[in-house]
Amino acid sequence: MKRRRTLFFIASFAAVSGIVIAAMSEQDARKEGEPQTHRNSLMVQPESLTEKLTITDAAILGVVEGITEYLPVSSTGHLILAGHFMKLIHYSDQTGAFGKLIDKDKMEAVNSFNIVIQFGAILAVVGLYRKRVGQMCAGLVGKNPKGLRLFGLLVVAFLPAVIIGLPLDETIEAYLFGPVPVAWALAIGGIVMIVVEYFYRKGKLTIRVCDLDMVTFRQALTIGIAQILAMWPGTSRSMITILAALLVGLDMLAAAEFSFLLALPTLMGATTVSAVKHWDILTQVAGIDGIVVGLVVSGIIAALASRVLLNGLHITG
C-alpha cells in the first residue's frame, strides 16, 4: 500500500507540476527583448558564448541530477527546468512549435555539463549493483554464462537508442531542449504512470518474470524500443523502461533492476559522446573543479536516492 501511494504521489506530482510549469515557462519564453541576467544581476554579454558556471551552480545541478536520474521523473527535464529558473537558459530569436527556441551555441556547454555529470550516477549504479556488474564481467571472459546472457540482454535493449538517438541528437537538442516541451512531457508522463500503476495494482498486467535470468531477448528489445521515447526531454528514461518492463511481464523489482542496469550503457554512451565532442568549451565554462563537483555530488545523491527507492520497493513488495 505504501509503495502504491508513493508511486501515485510521484506520478501526480509530475503531472500537476508539469502542467503548472508549462504555463509559467511558456509565458517566460515568449518574452521578447528582455535581457537575461544571472543570479548576481550581471548582464549577459550577447557576444559571449555563455556564462561561466559557478561551483554553486555545479553543485545544484549535481543535486538535481542525483535525485532525479533513477526516480521516474526525468533528470534531463528537471535539469533544463532548473537551468531555466537559475537563468542559465538562453533563447534565440527563432520560434518553434513550443515557443522560442534555445540558443544552441550558448547552451552547448550547459547541456553538455548536464550530460557529463551523469557519470556520477553511473558510478552509483555500479556500486549498487556491483555483484551484477561483476557477474557480467565474468561472463565476458567466459566464466559466467548467466552474466554473459545478461550483458547480451542489455546490449539488445541499448541498441535502439543508439540507432535512433545518434542521428536525431542535434535536432532534439535544437527544438526540444526547453522548459515548455519538458513540462508537458512531465505532465503526460505522470498521467501515464498513474494509468499503468492502476492496471498493475488491479492485477490486470500478467507478471511472468521475477528475476533477470528469466528475461527474454524479445522483452529486452521491447524495453529498448520504448526507451527511444525518453529522447524527448522531460520523458523519464527510468519511467519509460520500468513501465515497458511491467507491460511485457516483469514484476516491479525486476523492472527497476533492469532499468537501472540499462542506464549503464545508455548514460555511459551519452556521457562519452558529449565529453569528447564538447570538452574544450565544457572546461572553459565549468572548469575542471566544477565538473568534479558536479560528478561527486550527483554520484552521492544518486546512490542515496536509488537506495531509498529500492529499499522502499523491497519493504513494501
C-alpha atoms as a PDB file:
ATOM      1  CA  MET A   1       0.000   0.000   0.000  1.00  0.00           C
ATOM      2  CA  LYS A   2       2.809   2.421   0.871  1.00  0.00           C
ATOM      3  CA  ARG A   3       4.559   1.647  -2.430  1.00  0.00           C
ATOM      4  CA  ARG A   4       1.333   2.322  -4.323  1.00  0.00           C
ATOM      5  CA  ARG A   5       0.792   5.608  -2.527  1.00  0.00           C
ATOM      6  CA  THR A   6       4.394   6.601  -3.197  1.00  0.00           C
ATOM      7  CA  LEU A   7       4.173   5.847  -6.913  1.00  0.00           C
ATOM      8  CA  PHE A   8       0.821   7.623  -7.132  1.00  0.00           C
ATOM      9  CA  PHE A   9       2.268  10.667  -5.369  1.00  0.00           C
ATOM     10  CA  ILE A  10       5.282  10.810  -7.706  1.00  0.00           C
ATOM     11  CA  ALA A  11       3.084  10.440 -10.773  1.00  0.00           C
ATOM     12  CA  SER A  12       0.552  13.009  -9.580  1.00  0.00           C
ATOM     13  CA  PHE A  13       3.280  15.471  -8.638  1.00  0.00           C
ATOM     14  CA  ALA A  14       4.926  15.096 -12.064  1.00  0.00           C
ATOM     15  CA  ALA A  15       1.619  15.593 -13.876  1.00  0.00           C
ATOM     16  CA  VAL A  16       0.440  18.627 -11.891  1.00  0.00           C
ATOM     17  CA  SER A  17       3.838  20.332 -11.700  1.00  0.00           C
ATOM     18  CA  GLY A  18       4.375  19.726 -15.402  1.00  0.00           C
ATOM     19  CA  ILE A  19       1.145  21.492 -16.314  1.00  0.00           C
ATOM     20  CA  VAL A  20       1.844  24.413 -13.989  1.00  0.00           C
ATOM     21  CA  ILE A  21       5.456  24.809 -15.127  1.00  0.00           C
ATOM     22  CA  ALA A  22       4.407  24.546 -18.766  1.00  0.00           C
ATOM     23  CA  ALA A  23       2.153  27.554 -18.383  1.00  0.00           C
ATOM     24  CA  MET A  24       4.768  29.550 -16.466  1.00  0.00           C
ATOM     25  CA  SER A  25       7.629  28.633 -18.800  1.00  0.00           C
ATOM     26  CA  GLU A  26       5.702  29.311 -21.981  1.00  0.00           C
ATOM     27  CA  GLN A  27       4.936  32.801 -20.758  1.00  0.00           C
ATOM     28  CA  ASP A  28       8.559  33.442 -19.812  1.00  0.00           C
ATOM     29  CA  ALA A  29       9.942  32.006 -23.049  1.00  0.00           C
ATOM     30  CA  ARG A  30       7.745  34.270 -25.148  1.00  0.00           C
ATOM     31  CA  LYS A  31       9.017  37.443 -23.532  1.00  0.00           C
ATOM     32  CA  GLU A  32      10.934  39.194 -26.284  1.00  0.00           C
ATOM     33  CA  GLY A  33      13.534  41.873 -25.958  1.00  0.00           C
ATOM     34  CA  GLU A  34      14.234  41.292 -22.261  1.00  0.00           C
ATOM     35  CA  PRO A  35      17.929  40.765 -21.484  1.00  0.00           C
ATOM     36  CA  GLN A  36      18.673  37.658 -19.444  1.00  0.00           C
ATOM     37  CA  THR A  37      20.547  38.115 -16.193  1.00  0.00           C
ATOM     38  CA  HIS A  38      22.434  35.848 -13.859  1.00  0.00           C
ATOM     39  CA  ARG A  39      21.688  35.495 -10.178  1.00  0.00           C
ATOM     40  CA  ASN A  40      24.100  38.289  -9.386  1.00  0.00           C
ATOM     41  CA  SER A  41      22.259  40.541 -11.892  1.00  0.00           C
ATOM     42  CA  LEU A  42      25.291  40.891 -14.144  1.00  0.00           C
ATOM     43  CA  MET A  43      24.239  41.376 -17.764  1.00  0.00           C
ATOM     44  CA  VAL A  44      24.962  38.503 -20.130  1.00  0.00           C
ATOM     45  CA  GLN A  45      27.003  39.889 -22.981  1.00  0.00           C
ATOM     46  CA  PRO A  46      25.493  38.962 -26.367  1.00  0.00           C
ATOM     47  CA  GLU A  47      28.882  38.269 -27.867  1.00  0.00           C
ATOM     48  CA  SER A  48      29.898  35.823 -25.141  1.00  0.00           C
ATOM     49  CA  LEU A  49      29.337  32.143 -25.776  1.00  0.00           C
ATOM     50  CA  THR A  50      27.734  31.607 -22.397  1.00  0.00           C
ATOM     51  CA  GLU A  51      28.151  32.461 -18.729  1.00  0.00           C
ATOM     52  CA  LYS A  52      30.610  30.517 -16.650  1.00  0.00           C
ATOM     53  CA  LEU A  53      29.118  28.043 -14.221  1.00  0.00           C
ATOM     54  CA  THR A  54      29.983  28.688 -10.596  1.00  0.00           C
ATOM     55  CA  ILE A  55      30.769  25.935  -8.104  1.00  0.00           C
ATOM     56  CA  THR A  56      27.351  26.587  -6.590  1.00  0.00           C
ATOM     57  CA  ASP A  57      25.724  26.108  -9.994  1.00  0.00           C
ATOM     58  CA  ALA A  58      27.614  22.837 -10.454  1.00  0.00           C
ATOM     59  CA  ALA A  59      26.569  21.589  -7.020  1.00  0.00           C
ATOM     60  CA  ILE A  60      22.903  22.485  -7.528  1.00  0.00           C
ATOM     61  CA  LEU A  61      22.799  20.782 -10.921  1.00  0.00           C
ATOM     62  CA  GLY A  62      24.576  17.785  -9.383  1.00  0.00           C
ATOM     63  CA  VAL A  63      21.901  17.515  -6.698  1.00  0.00           C
ATOM     64  CA  VAL A  64      19.106  17.728  -9.279  1.00  0.00           C
ATOM     65  CA  GLU A  65      20.796  15.073 -11.435  1.00  0.00           C
ATOM     66  CA  GLY A  66      21.393  12.758  -8.496  1.00  0.00           C
ATOM     67  CA  ILE A  67      17.848  12.947  -7.152  1.00  0.00           C
ATOM     68  CA  THR A  68      16.072  12.555 -10.478  1.00  0.00           C
ATOM     69  CA  GLU A  69      18.245  10.172 -12.523  1.00  0.00           C
ATOM     70  CA  TYR A  70      16.739   6.942 -11.203  1.00  0.00           C
ATOM     71  CA  LEU A  71      13.396   8.221  -9.988  1.00  0.00           C
ATOM     72  CA  PRO A  72      10.721   8.151 -12.718  1.00  0.00           C
ATOM     73  CA  VAL A  73      10.652  11.938 -13.114  1.00  0.00           C
ATOM     74  CA  SER A  74      13.269  12.717 -15.834  1.00  0.00           C
ATOM     75  CA  SER A  75      16.684  14.027 -14.842  1.00  0.00           C
ATOM     76  CA  THR A  76      17.231  15.857 -18.150  1.00  0.00           C
ATOM     77  CA  GLY A  77      13.870  17.542 -17.878  1.00  0.00           C
ATOM     78  CA  HIS A  78      14.474  18.735 -14.333  1.00  0.00           C
ATOM     79  CA  LEU A  79      17.986  19.915 -15.194  1.00  0.00           C
ATOM     80  CA  ILE A  80      16.531  22.011 -18.026  1.00  0.00           C
ATOM     81  CA  LEU A  81      13.864  23.413 -15.719  1.00  0.00           C
ATOM     82  CA  ALA A  82      16.461  24.084 -13.019  1.00  0.00           C
ATOM     83  CA  GLY A  83      18.603  25.873 -15.594  1.00  0.00           C
ATOM     84  CA  HIS A  84      15.590  27.924 -16.642  1.00  0.00           C
ATOM     85  CA  PHE A  85      14.905  29.155 -13.112  1.00  0.00           C
ATOM     86  CA  MET A  86      18.641  29.649 -12.488  1.00  0.00           C
ATOM     87  CA  LYS A  87      18.753  31.916 -15.571  1.00  0.00           C
ATOM     88  CA  LEU A  88      21.091  29.548 -17.401  1.00  0.00           C
ATOM     89  CA  ILE A  89      18.746  29.145 -20.371  1.00  0.00           C
ATOM     90  CA  HIS A  90      19.359  31.410 -23.356  1.00  0.00           C
ATOM     91  CA  TYR A  91      16.762  31.808 -26.090  1.00  0.00           C
ATOM     92  CA  SER A  92      17.301  32.648 -29.742  1.00  0.00           C
ATOM     93  CA  ASP A  93      15.092  34.866 -31.898  1.00  0.00           C
ATOM     94  CA  GLN A  94      13.623  31.820 -33.652  1.00  0.00           C
ATOM     95  CA  THR A  95      10.241  30.405 -32.741  1.00  0.00           C
ATOM     96  CA  GLY A  96       9.208  26.762 -32.957  1.00  0.00           C
ATOM     97  CA  ALA A  97       6.124  24.728 -32.163  1.00  0.00           C
ATOM     98  CA  PHE A  98       6.715  25.175 -28.419  1.00  0.00           C
ATOM     99  CA  GLY A  99       7.586  28.861 -28.418  1.00  0.00           C
ATOM    100  CA  LYS A 100      11.019  30.450 -28.597  1.00  0.00           C
ATOM    101  CA  LEU A 101      13.884  28.080 -29.328  1.00  0.00           C
ATOM    102  CA  ILE A 102      17.000  27.962 -27.193  1.00  0.00           C
ATOM    103  CA  ASP A 103      20.246  29.439 -28.444  1.00  0.00           C
ATOM    104  CA  LYS A 104      22.084  26.238 -29.255  1.00  0.00           C
ATOM    105  CA  ASP A 105      25.554  27.827 -29.256  1.00  0.00           C
ATOM    106  CA  LYS A 106      25.157  29.492 -25.877  1.00  0.00           C
ATOM    107  CA  MET A 107      23.563  26.388 -24.370  1.00  0.00           C
ATOM    108  CA  GLU A 108      26.152  23.948 -25.716  1.00  0.00           C
ATOM    109  CA  ALA A 109      28.337  23.946 -22.616  1.00  0.00           C
ATOM    110  CA  VAL A 110      25.489  23.810 -20.070  1.00  0.00           C
ATOM    111  CA  ASN A 111      23.720  20.987 -21.917  1.00  0.00           C
ATOM    112  CA  SER A 112      26.991  19.092 -22.155  1.00  0.00           C
ATOM    113  CA  PHE A 113      27.668  19.626 -18.438  1.00  0.00           C
ATOM    114  CA  ASN A 114      24.236  18.222 -17.586  1.00  0.00           C
ATOM    115  CA  ILE A 115      25.049  15.098 -19.589  1.00  0.00           C
ATOM    116  CA  VAL A 116      28.616  14.628 -18.364  1.00  0.00           C
ATOM    117  CA  ILE A 117      27.701  14.734 -14.668  1.00  0.00           C
ATOM    118  CA  GLN A 118      25.565  11.652 -15.314  1.00  0.00           C
ATOM    119  CA  PHE A 119      28.820   9.753 -14.906  1.00  0.00           C
ATOM    120  CA  GLY A 120      28.429  10.227 -11.170  1.00  0.00           C
ATOM    121  CA  ALA A 121      25.059   8.478 -11.357  1.00  0.00           C
ATOM    122  CA  ILE A 122      26.685   5.700 -13.417  1.00  0.00           C
ATOM    123  CA  LEU A 123      29.195   5.060 -10.641  1.00  0.00           C
ATOM    124  CA  ALA A 124      26.333   4.973  -8.138  1.00  0.00           C
ATOM    125  CA  VAL A 125      24.672   2.123 -10.066  1.00  0.00           C
ATOM    126  CA  VAL A 126      27.976   0.285 -10.457  1.00  0.00           C
ATOM    127  CA  GLY A 127      28.342   0.379  -6.671  1.00  0.00           C
ATOM    128  CA  LEU A 128      24.730  -0.548  -6.072  1.00  0.00           C
ATOM    129  CA  TYR A 129      24.801  -3.494  -8.482  1.00  0.00           C
ATOM    130  CA  ARG A 130      28.454  -4.432  -8.147  1.00  0.00           C
ATOM    131  CA  LYS A 131      27.552  -8.135  -7.946  1.00  0.00           C
ATOM    132  CA  ARG A 132      25.591  -7.961 -11.201  1.00  0.00           C
ATOM    133  CA  VAL A 133      28.359  -5.938 -12.853  1.00  0.00           C
ATOM    134  CA  GLY A 134      30.940  -8.465 -11.648  1.00  0.00           C
ATOM    135  CA  GLN A 135      28.740 -11.247 -12.980  1.00  0.00           C
ATOM    136  CA  MET A 136      28.673  -9.622 -16.419  1.00  0.00           C
ATOM    137  CA  CYS A 137      32.430  -9.024 -16.390  1.00  0.00           C
ATOM    138  CA  ALA A 138      32.984 -12.681 -15.553  1.00  0.00           C
ATOM    139  CA  GLY A 139      30.637 -13.604 -18.375  1.00  0.00           C
ATOM    140  CA  LEU A 140      32.643 -11.609 -20.885  1.00  0.00           C
ATOM    141  CA  VAL A 141      35.712 -13.696 -20.127  1.00  0.00           C
ATOM    142  CA  GLY A 142      33.767 -16.950 -20.349  1.00  0.00           C
ATOM    143  CA  LYS A 143      33.398 -17.667 -16.630  1.00  0.00           C
ATOM    144  CA  ASN A 144      29.705 -16.917 -16.063  1.00  0.00           C
ATOM    145  CA  PRO A 145      27.087 -17.855 -18.709  1.00  0.00           C
ATOM    146  CA  LYS A 146      24.294 -16.034 -16.853  1.00  0.00           C
ATOM    147  CA  GLY A 147      26.397 -12.891 -16.700  1.00  0.00           C
ATOM    148  CA  LEU A 148      27.130 -13.108 -20.428  1.00  0.00           C
ATOM    149  CA  ARG A 149      23.425 -13.529 -21.167  1.00  0.00           C
ATOM    150  CA  LEU A 150      22.531 -10.512 -19.009  1.00  0.00           C
ATOM    151  CA  PHE A 151      25.152  -8.465 -20.835  1.00  0.00           C
ATOM    152  CA  GLY A 152      23.587  -9.547 -24.136  1.00  0.00           C
ATOM    153  CA  LEU A 153      20.125  -8.504 -22.922  1.00  0.00           C
ATOM    154  CA  LEU A 154      21.395  -5.029 -22.051  1.00  0.00           C
ATOM    155  CA  VAL A 155      23.117  -4.686 -25.435  1.00  0.00           C
ATOM    156  CA  VAL A 156      19.889  -5.619 -27.234  1.00  0.00           C
ATOM    157  CA  ALA A 157      17.920  -3.110 -25.146  1.00  0.00           C
ATOM    158  CA  PHE A 158      20.555  -0.421 -25.683  1.00  0.00           C
ATOM    159  CA  LEU A 159      20.833  -0.657 -29.488  1.00  0.00           C
ATOM    160  CA  PRO A 160      17.521   1.035 -30.442  1.00  0.00           C
ATOM    161  CA  ALA A 161      18.549   4.206 -28.634  1.00  0.00           C
ATOM    162  CA  VAL A 162      21.887   4.201 -30.467  1.00  0.00           C
ATOM    163  CA  ILE A 163      20.375   3.584 -33.891  1.00  0.00           C
ATOM    164  CA  ILE A 164      17.678   6.231 -33.491  1.00  0.00           C
ATOM    165  CA  GLY A 165      19.275   8.569 -30.968  1.00  0.00           C
ATOM    166  CA  LEU A 166      22.574   9.463 -32.608  1.00  0.00           C
ATOM    167  CA  PRO A 167      21.100  10.743 -35.913  1.00  0.00           C
ATOM    168  CA  LEU A 168      18.442  12.808 -34.103  1.00  0.00           C
ATOM    169  CA  ASP A 169      20.604  14.142 -31.267  1.00  0.00           C
ATOM    170  CA  GLU A 170      21.238  17.632 -32.666  1.00  0.00           C
ATOM    171  CA  THR A 171      17.657  18.057 -33.879  1.00  0.00           C
ATOM    172  CA  ILE A 172      16.259  17.131 -30.481  1.00  0.00           C
ATOM    173  CA  GLU A 173      18.666  19.465 -28.718  1.00  0.00           C
ATOM    174  CA  ALA A 174      17.757  22.340 -31.028  1.00  0.00           C
ATOM    175  CA  TYR A 175      13.963  22.032 -30.867  1.00  0.00           C
ATOM    176  CA  LEU A 176      13.061  20.247 -27.635  1.00  0.00           C
ATOM    177  CA  PHE A 177      15.650  21.340 -25.038  1.00  0.00           C
ATOM    178  CA  GLY A 178      13.411  23.960 -23.480  1.00  0.00           C
ATOM    179  CA  PRO A 179      11.122  24.276 -20.453  1.00  0.00           C
ATOM    180  CA  VAL A 180       7.817  24.091 -22.362  1.00  0.00           C
ATOM    181  CA  PRO A 181       8.276  20.679 -24.088  1.00  0.00           C
ATOM    182  CA  VAL A 182       9.895  19.374 -20.893  1.00  0.00           C
ATOM    183  CA  ALA A 183       6.988  20.485 -18.712  1.00  0.00           C
ATOM    184  CA  TRP A 184       4.393  18.934 -20.998  1.00  0.00           C
ATOM    185  CA  ALA A 185       6.388  15.695 -21.095  1.00  0.00           C
ATOM    186  CA  LEU A 186       6.423  15.634 -17.296  1.00  0.00           C
ATOM    187  CA  ALA A 187       2.660  16.135 -17.194  1.00  0.00           C
ATOM    188  CA  ILE A 188       1.923  13.430 -19.758  1.00  0.00           C
ATOM    189  CA  GLY A 189       4.440  11.067 -18.144  1.00  0.00           C
ATOM    190  CA  GLY A 190       2.761  11.500 -14.765  1.00  0.00           C
ATOM    191  CA  ILE A 191      -0.618  10.600 -16.243  1.00  0.00           C
ATOM    192  CA  VAL A 192       0.834   7.531 -17.970  1.00  0.00           C
ATOM    193  CA  MET A 193       2.385   6.389 -14.675  1.00  0.00           C
ATOM    194  CA  ILE A 194      -0.966   6.701 -12.926  1.00  0.00           C
ATOM    195  CA  VAL A 195      -2.712   4.638 -15.611  1.00  0.00           C
ATOM    196  CA  VAL A 196      -0.126   1.832 -15.741  1.00  0.00           C
ATOM    197  CA  GLU A 197       0.182   1.700 -11.942  1.00  0.00           C
ATOM    198  CA  TYR A 198      -3.612   1.380 -11.724  1.00  0.00           C
ATOM    199  CA  PHE A 199      -3.630  -1.666 -14.001  1.00  0.00           C
ATOM    200  CA  TYR A 200      -0.633  -3.135 -12.144  1.00  0.00           C
ATOM    201  CA  ARG A 201      -2.347  -2.641  -8.795  1.00  0.00           C
ATOM    202  CA  LYS A 202      -5.545  -4.249 -10.046  1.00  0.00           C
ATOM    203  CA  GLY A 203      -3.612  -7.291 -11.217  1.00  0.00           C
ATOM    204  CA  LYS A 204      -4.539  -6.712 -14.860  1.00  0.00           C
ATOM    205  CA  LEU A 205      -0.931  -6.999 -16.025  1.00  0.00           C
ATOM    206  CA  THR A 206       0.417 -10.536 -16.475  1.00  0.00           C
ATOM    207  CA  ILE A 207       3.550 -10.946 -14.358  1.00  0.00           C
ATOM    208  CA  ARG A 208       5.774 -13.753 -15.591  1.00  0.00           C
ATOM    209  CA  VAL A 209       9.296 -12.596 -14.682  1.00  0.00           C
ATOM    210  CA  CYS A 210      10.568 -12.010 -11.141  1.00  0.00           C
ATOM    211  CA  ASP A 211      14.297 -12.453 -11.876  1.00  0.00           C
ATOM    212  CA  LEU A 212      16.523 -11.041 -14.617  1.00  0.00           C
ATOM    213  CA  ASP A 213      17.672 -14.551 -15.506  1.00  0.00           C
ATOM    214  CA  MET A 214      14.150 -15.124 -16.842  1.00  0.00           C
ATOM    215  CA  VAL A 215      14.041 -12.060 -19.119  1.00  0.00           C
ATOM    216  CA  THR A 216      13.860 -12.926 -22.830  1.00  0.00           C
ATOM    217  CA  PHE A 217      15.646 -11.112 -25.623  1.00  0.00           C
ATOM    218  CA  ARG A 218      12.273 -10.155 -27.083  1.00  0.00           C
ATOM    219  CA  GLN A 219      11.295  -8.495 -23.818  1.00  0.00           C
ATOM    220  CA  ALA A 220      14.658  -6.702 -23.690  1.00  0.00           C
ATOM    221  CA  LEU A 221      14.209  -5.417 -27.249  1.00  0.00           C
ATOM    222  CA  THR A 222      10.712  -4.156 -26.449  1.00  0.00           C
ATOM    223  CA  ILE A 223      12.042  -2.274 -23.423  1.00  0.00           C
ATOM    224  CA  GLY A 224      14.837  -0.842 -25.568  1.00  0.00           C
ATOM    225  CA  ILE A 225      12.404   0.346 -28.237  1.00  0.00           C
ATOM    226  CA  ALA A 226      10.312   2.014 -25.546  1.00  0.00           C
ATOM    227  CA  GLN A 227      13.443   3.765 -24.264  1.00  0.00           C
ATOM    228  CA  ILE A 228      13.519   5.742 -27.534  1.00  0.00           C
ATOM    229  CA  LEU A 229      10.586   7.760 -26.175  1.00  0.00           C
ATOM    230  CA  ALA A 230      12.903   9.077 -23.458  1.00  0.00           C
ATOM    231  CA  MET A 231      14.790  11.005 -26.138  1.00  0.00           C
ATOM    232  CA  TRP A 232      12.085  13.648 -25.709  1.00  0.00           C
ATOM    233  CA  PRO A 233      13.450  15.808 -22.862  1.00  0.00           C
ATOM    234  CA  GLY A 234      11.226  15.564 -19.824  1.00  0.00           C
ATOM    235  CA  THR A 235      10.310  11.961 -20.564  1.00  0.00           C
ATOM    236  CA  SER A 236      11.937   9.915 -17.836  1.00  0.00           C
ATOM    237  CA  ARG A 237      14.178   7.135 -19.101  1.00  0.00           C
ATOM    238  CA  SER A 238      13.668   5.147 -15.919  1.00  0.00           C
ATOM    239  CA  MET A 239       9.906   5.681 -16.048  1.00  0.00           C
ATOM    240  CA  ILE A 240       9.633   4.535 -19.663  1.00  0.00           C
ATOM    241  CA  THR A 241      11.810   1.459 -19.198  1.00  0.00           C
ATOM    242  CA  ILE A 242      10.144   0.440 -15.925  1.00  0.00           C
ATOM    243  CA  LEU A 243       6.654   0.828 -17.388  1.00  0.00           C
ATOM    244  CA  ALA A 244       7.665  -1.061 -20.532  1.00  0.00           C
ATOM    245  CA  ALA A 245       9.124  -3.837 -18.384  1.00  0.00           C
ATOM    246  CA  LEU A 246       5.893  -4.089 -16.403  1.00  0.00           C
ATOM    247  CA  LEU A 247       3.860  -4.251 -19.605  1.00  0.00           C
ATOM    248  CA  VAL A 248       5.951  -7.112 -21.017  1.00  0.00           C
ATOM    249  CA  GLY A 249       5.654  -9.168 -17.832  1.00  0.00           C
ATOM    250  CA  LEU A 250       8.375  -8.203 -15.334  1.00  0.00           C
ATOM    251  CA  ASP A 251       7.419  -7.576 -11.739  1.00  0.00           C
ATOM    252  CA  MET A 252       8.221  -4.232 -10.113  1.00  0.00           C
ATOM    253  CA  LEU A 253      11.568  -5.236  -8.579  1.00  0.00           C
ATOM    254  CA  ALA A 254      12.847  -6.932 -11.748  1.00  0.00           C
ATOM    255  CA  ALA A 255      11.652  -3.970 -13.825  1.00  0.00           C
ATOM    256  CA  ALA A 256      13.503  -1.485 -11.610  1.00  0.00           C
ATOM    257  CA  GLU A 257      16.678  -3.591 -11.625  1.00  0.00           C
ATOM    258  CA  PHE A 258      16.690  -3.972 -15.404  1.00  0.00           C
ATOM    259  CA  SER A 259      16.038  -0.239 -15.825  1.00  0.00           C
ATOM    260  CA  PHE A 260      18.921   0.664 -13.508  1.00  0.00           C
ATOM    261  CA  LEU A 261      21.341  -1.689 -15.285  1.00  0.00           C
ATOM    262  CA  LEU A 262      20.234  -0.451 -18.705  1.00  0.00           C
ATOM    263  CA  ALA A 263      21.251   3.017 -17.538  1.00  0.00           C
ATOM    264  CA  LEU A 264      24.901   1.913 -17.551  1.00  0.00           C
ATOM    265  CA  PRO A 265      25.427   1.646 -21.337  1.00  0.00           C
ATOM    266  CA  THR A 266      22.847   4.357 -22.095  1.00  0.00           C
ATOM    267  CA  LEU A 267      24.279   7.021 -19.808  1.00  0.00           C
ATOM    268  CA  MET A 268      27.877   5.969 -20.455  1.00  0.00           C
ATOM    269  CA  GLY A 269      27.353   6.335 -24.200  1.00  0.00           C
ATOM    270  CA  ALA A 270      25.740   9.768 -23.884  1.00  0.00           C
ATOM    271  CA  THR A 271      28.375  10.957 -21.399  1.00  0.00           C
ATOM    272  CA  THR A 272      31.298   9.799 -23.541  1.00  0.00           C
ATOM    273  CA  VAL A 273      29.957  11.337 -26.752  1.00  0.00           C
ATOM    274  CA  SER A 274      29.179  14.663 -25.081  1.00  0.00           C
ATOM    275  CA  ALA A 275      32.505  14.853 -23.214  1.00  0.00           C
ATOM    276  CA  VAL A 276      34.580  14.108 -26.321  1.00  0.00           C
ATOM    277  CA  LYS A 277      32.553  16.435 -28.523  1.00  0.00           C
ATOM    278  CA  HIS A 278      32.392  19.441 -26.192  1.00  0.00           C
ATOM    279  CA  TRP A 279      35.362  19.026 -23.836  1.00  0.00           C
ATOM    280  CA  ASP A 280      37.069  22.322 -24.691  1.00  0.00           C
ATOM    281  CA  ILE A 281      34.034  24.528 -24.186  1.00  0.00           C
ATOM    282  CA  LEU A 282      32.965  22.428 -21.199  1.00  0.00           C
ATOM    283  CA  THR A 283      36.231  23.021 -19.335  1.00  0.00           C
ATOM    284  CA  GLN A 284      36.184  26.671 -20.330  1.00  0.00           C
ATOM    285  CA  VAL A 285      32.703  27.285 -18.923  1.00  0.00           C
ATOM    286  CA  ALA A 286      32.512  24.857 -15.987  1.00  0.00           C
ATOM    287  CA  GLY A 287      36.194  24.289 -15.246  1.00  0.00           C
ATOM    288  CA  ILE A 288      37.705  21.039 -14.038  1.00  0.00           C
ATOM    289  CA  ASP A 289      36.734  21.895 -10.475  1.00  0.00           C
ATOM    290  CA  GLY A 290      33.105  22.495 -11.465  1.00  0.00           C
ATOM    291  CA  ILE A 291      32.960  19.214 -13.378  1.00  0.00           C
ATOM    292  CA  VAL A 292      34.419  17.316 -10.415  1.00  0.00           C
ATOM    293  CA  VAL A 293      31.928  18.923  -8.010  1.00  0.00           C
ATOM    294  CA  GLY A 294      29.017  18.061 -10.296  1.00  0.00           C
ATOM    295  CA  LEU A 295      30.196  14.460 -10.669  1.00  0.00           C
ATOM    296  CA  VAL A 296      30.813  13.887  -6.955  1.00  0.00           C
ATOM    297  CA  VAL A 297      27.566  15.490  -5.826  1.00  0.00           C
ATOM    298  CA  SER A 298      25.466  13.684  -8.451  1.00  0.00           C
ATOM    299  CA  GLY A 299      27.112  10.365  -7.568  1.00  0.00           C
ATOM    300  CA  ILE A 300      26.499  10.673  -3.831  1.00  0.00           C
ATOM    301  CA  ILE A 301      22.924  11.879  -4.204  1.00  0.00           C
ATOM    302  CA  ALA A 302      22.123   9.270  -6.873  1.00  0.00           C
ATOM    303  CA  ALA A 303      23.425   6.488  -4.626  1.00  0.00           C
ATOM    304  CA  LEU A 304      21.233   7.661  -1.760  1.00  0.00           C
ATOM    305  CA  ALA A 305      18.137   8.223  -3.921  1.00  0.00           C
ATOM    306  CA  SER A 306      18.362   4.869  -5.706  1.00  0.00           C
ATOM    307  CA  ARG A 307      18.982   3.024  -2.441  1.00  0.00           C
ATOM    308  CA  VAL A 308      15.938   4.654  -0.836  1.00  0.00           C
ATOM    309  CA  LEU A 309      13.777   3.757  -3.843  1.00  0.00           C
ATOM    310  CA  LEU A 310      14.894   0.119  -3.937  1.00  0.00           C
ATOM    311  CA  ASN A 311      14.602  -0.290  -0.173  1.00  0.00           C
ATOM    312  CA  GLY A 312      11.046   1.007  -0.401  1.00  0.00           C
ATOM    313  CA  LEU A 313      10.200  -1.496  -3.125  1.00  0.00           C
ATOM    314  CA  HIS A 314      11.755  -4.374  -1.160  1.00  0.00           C
ATOM    315  CA  ILE A 315       9.984  -3.451   2.084  1.00  0.00           C
ATOM    316  CA  THR A 316       6.560  -2.929   0.544  1.00  0.00           C
ATOM    317  CA  GLY A 317       6.851  -5.659  -2.098  1.00  0.00           C
END
